Amino acid sequence: MKGIMKLTLFIIIILIVTGCSSNDEQTNETNKANEEDVTQSNQDTSEEDETELEQTTLNMGETAELSTTVGDFSLTLTNAQEKTEIDGEQSQREIFVVTEWEVKNTSEEPIEISETIGAIKLFNDIRISGAAWILLEDDEEWSGELKPGESETGELLFEIEDTENYSVGMNYASSESAPRKVMWNFTVE
């Protein structure tokens, strides 16, 4: 009787060990398959992100005609200067880059200036700048509403490290298709 009990206990232990190990193998195979699916999905998403973001690259003085969720407007980078000091204040990084812009409302509805230029960032050979300070000639904030057909000029001030090449631009939601990007390349002498 003790022999039958030992034999039964031994068979039960073998079944449990075998069942657990085959389940682990199935789990490992399932995990590997899931990892491959996730990797493929991430690659597909990266490829989609790259193809979905259509980029327009311009030079200083060239105008971008934008049709966005904010409205239709044109945006022109008209000038850029490097300054080490603004109103007696030294740059915390290296320099200030003052960019001059013209915004024109080409839609049939009024648009807010801050919504047309608020996402613009400056890029150099090292990094992306933070948000711009929005200024007018007399250091007042550049804001307000543009009626259809109206245009206004103003400055965006960035603080960044001094390099030879700069780009300024923004990503925007197009009113007609996928997200887009517009960039202006320039050098400052």
Protein backbone atom coordinates (compact mmCIF):
# COMPACT_ATOMS: atom_id res chain seq x y z
CA MET A 1 0.00 0.00 0.00
CA LYS A 2 2.83 2.41 0.85
CA GLY A 3 4.40 1.63 -2.53
CA ILE A 4 1.21 2.52 -4.42
CA MET A 5 0.91 5.80 -2.48
CA LYS A 6 4.54 6.68 -3.29
CA LEU A 7 4.04 5.77 -6.95
CA THR A 8 0.83 7.85 -7.17
CA LEU A 9 2.51 10.82 -5.43
CA PHE A 10 5.49 10.50 -7.80
CA ILE A 11 3.21 10.48 -10.89
CA ILE A 12 1.27 13.53 -9.62
CA ILE A 13 4.52 15.47 -9.02
CA ILE A 14 5.76 14.57 -12.53
CA LEU A 15 2.47 15.72 -14.07
CA ILE A 16 2.58 19.00 -12.17
CA VAL A 17 6.21 19.69 -13.11
CA THR A 18 5.58 18.75 -16.74
CA GLY A 19 2.44 20.86 -16.89
CA CYS A 20 4.19 23.87 -15.41
CA SER A 21 7.22 23.63 -17.67
CA SER A 22 5.19 23.27 -20.86
CA ASN A 23 3.05 26.24 -19.78
CA ASP A 24 6.25 28.28 -19.28
CA GLU A 25 7.39 27.35 -22.78
CA GLN A 26 4.03 28.40 -24.22
CA THR A 27 4.18 31.64 -22.20
CA ASN A 28 7.72 32.31 -23.45
CA GLU A 29 6.63 31.66 -27.04
CA THR A 30 3.59 33.91 -26.57
CA ASN A 31 5.75 36.64 -25.01
CA LYS A 32 8.25 36.42 -27.89
CA ALA A 33 5.44 36.65 -30.42
CA ASN A 34 3.95 39.64 -28.57
CA GLU A 35 7.35 41.36 -28.43
CA GLU A 36 7.78 40.85 -32.18
CA ASP A 37 4.29 42.27 -32.80
CA VAL A 38 5.02 45.30 -30.59
CA THR A 39 8.39 45.87 -32.28
CA GLN A 40 6.78 45.66 -35.73
CA SER A 41 3.96 47.94 -34.60
CA ASN A 42 6.47 50.50 -33.25
CA GLN A 43 8.41 50.38 -36.54
CA ASP A 44 5.19 50.84 -38.50
CA THR A 45 4.19 53.77 -36.26
CA SER A 46 7.62 55.40 -36.65
CA GLU A 47 7.42 55.07 -40.41
CA GLU A 48 3.89 56.52 -40.39
CA ASP A 49 5.00 59.44 -38.17
CA GLU A 50 7.85 60.23 -40.54
CA THR A 51 5.69 60.06 -43.64
CA GLU A 52 2.73 61.92 -42.10
CA LEU A 53 4.71 65.02 -41.10
CA GLU A 54 5.16 66.86 -44.40
CA GLN A 55 7.89 69.50 -44.11
CA THR A 56 8.32 72.70 -46.07
CA THR A 57 11.77 74.31 -45.86
CA LEU A 58 12.21 77.97 -46.76
CA ASN A 59 14.88 80.64 -46.53
CA MET A 60 14.71 84.07 -44.95
CA GLY A 61 12.43 86.35 -46.95
CA GLU A 62 10.29 83.50 -48.29
CA THR A 63 6.63 83.25 -47.33
CA ALA A 64 4.74 80.19 -46.11
CA GLU A 65 1.04 80.09 -46.99
CA LEU A 66 -0.53 78.11 -44.15
CA SER A 67 -3.98 76.59 -43.90
CA THR A 68 -4.37 75.53 -40.28
CA THR A 69 -7.05 74.76 -37.73
CA VAL A 70 -6.57 78.36 -36.48
CA GLY A 71 -7.25 79.80 -39.92
CA ASP A 72 -5.45 80.66 -43.14
CA PHE A 73 -2.49 83.02 -42.92
CA SER A 74 0.89 83.76 -44.47
CA LEU A 75 4.04 83.94 -42.41
CA THR A 76 7.35 85.45 -43.53
CA LEU A 77 10.67 85.54 -41.70
CA THR A 78 11.98 88.95 -42.79
CA ASN A 79 15.16 89.38 -40.70
CA ALA A 80 17.24 87.92 -37.87
CA GLN A 81 19.93 89.41 -35.63
CA GLU A 82 22.16 88.14 -32.84
CA LYS A 83 22.45 90.26 -29.70
CA THR A 84 24.39 89.62 -26.52
CA GLU A 85 22.28 92.08 -24.56
CA ILE A 86 18.65 93.23 -24.64
CA ASP A 87 17.63 96.29 -22.60
CA GLY A 88 20.80 95.96 -20.48
CA GLU A 89 20.16 92.28 -19.73
CA GLN A 90 22.79 89.69 -20.69
CA SER A 91 21.79 86.35 -22.21
CA GLN A 92 21.76 83.46 -19.74
CA ARG A 93 22.86 81.06 -22.48
CA GLU A 94 25.12 82.89 -24.94
CA ILE A 95 23.11 85.12 -27.22
CA PHE A 96 19.68 86.41 -28.06
CA VAL A 97 18.40 85.83 -31.58
CA VAL A 98 15.81 88.41 -32.58
CA THR A 99 13.69 87.27 -35.52
CA GLU A 100 11.40 89.64 -37.40
CA TRP A 101 8.14 88.34 -38.87
CA GLU A 102 5.23 89.45 -41.00
CA VAL A 103 1.88 87.73 -40.43
CA LYS A 104 -1.01 88.24 -42.84
CA ASN A 105 -4.54 86.93 -42.33
CA THR A 106 -5.59 85.28 -45.60
CA SER A 107 -8.78 83.72 -44.21
CA GLU A 108 -12.28 85.12 -44.13
CA GLU A 109 -12.43 85.22 -40.33
CA PRO A 110 -10.37 87.19 -37.77
CA ILE A 111 -7.47 85.30 -36.18
CA GLU A 112 -5.37 85.90 -33.05
CA ILE A 113 -1.72 86.76 -33.75
CA SER A 114 -0.55 84.70 -30.78
CA GLU A 115 -2.22 81.60 -32.26
CA THR A 116 -0.34 82.03 -35.54
CA ILE A 117 3.15 82.43 -34.06
CA GLY A 118 2.91 80.90 -30.58
CA ALA A 119 4.39 77.52 -31.57
CA ILE A 120 7.50 78.87 -33.35
CA LYS A 121 10.80 77.54 -31.98
CA LEU A 122 14.43 78.26 -32.86
CA PHE A 123 16.86 75.43 -33.60
CA ASN A 124 20.63 75.65 -33.86
CA ASP A 125 23.44 73.13 -34.30
CA ILE A 126 23.20 72.22 -30.59
CA ARG A 127 19.59 72.34 -29.41
CA ILE A 128 16.06 73.67 -29.63
CA SER A 129 15.38 76.94 -27.85
CA GLY A 130 12.59 77.33 -25.40
CA ALA A 131 9.53 79.43 -26.04
CA ALA A 132 9.99 82.80 -27.70
CA TRP A 133 9.31 86.15 -26.14
CA ILE A 134 6.90 87.98 -28.41
CA LEU A 135 7.79 91.63 -28.85
CA LEU A 136 6.91 94.71 -30.85
CA GLU A 137 9.29 97.57 -31.57
CA ASP A 138 8.49 99.20 -28.23
CA ASP A 139 8.88 95.92 -26.26
CA GLU A 140 5.12 95.46 -25.86
CA GLU A 141 3.67 92.02 -26.26
CA TRP A 142 2.80 91.14 -29.86
CA SER A 143 -0.84 90.12 -29.64
CA GLY A 144 -4.25 91.08 -30.85
CA GLU A 145 -6.58 90.16 -33.63
CA LEU A 146 -5.95 90.32 -37.35
CA LYS A 147 -8.99 90.94 -39.51
CA PRO A 148 -9.19 89.31 -42.96
CA GLY A 149 -6.59 90.83 -45.31
CA GLU A 150 -4.71 92.63 -42.49
CA SER A 151 -1.02 92.08 -41.80
CA GLU A 152 1.29 93.01 -38.96
CA THR A 153 5.00 92.78 -38.26
CA GLY A 154 6.70 92.00 -35.00
CA GLU A 155 9.65 90.28 -33.39
CA LEU A 156 10.20 86.97 -31.65
CA LEU A 157 13.12 86.86 -29.25
CA PHE A 158 14.94 83.59 -28.49
CA GLU A 159 17.79 82.83 -26.12
CA ILE A 160 20.22 80.14 -27.30
CA GLU A 161 23.87 79.15 -27.81
CA ASP A 162 25.77 80.91 -30.59
CA THR A 163 26.29 78.78 -33.71
CA GLU A 164 26.63 79.39 -37.44
CA ASN A 165 23.38 77.90 -38.68
CA TYR A 166 19.85 78.36 -37.41
CA SER A 167 16.40 77.14 -38.31
CA VAL A 168 13.16 78.53 -37.02
CA GLY A 169 9.82 76.89 -37.49
CA MET A 170 6.84 75.06 -36.11
CA ASN A 171 4.65 72.02 -36.42
CA TYR A 172 1.02 72.80 -37.14
CA ALA A 173 -2.26 71.05 -37.65
CA SER A 174 -3.32 71.44 -41.23
CA SER A 175 -6.99 72.02 -41.85
CA GLU A 176 -6.92 69.71 -44.86
CA SER A 177 -4.61 66.79 -44.03
CA ALA A 178 -2.00 65.35 -41.70
CA PRO A 179 0.20 67.45 -39.39
CA ARG A 180 2.86 69.49 -41.14
CA LYS A 181 6.07 71.32 -40.38
CA VAL A 182 7.41 74.57 -41.80
CA MET A 183 11.04 75.66 -41.29
CA TRP A 184 13.13 78.66 -42.31
CA ASN A 185 16.92 78.17 -42.51
CA PHE A 186 19.21 81.15 -41.99
CA THR A 187 22.61 82.36 -40.82
CA VAL A 188 23.30 85.51 -38.83
CA GLU A 189 26.40 87.57 -39.46
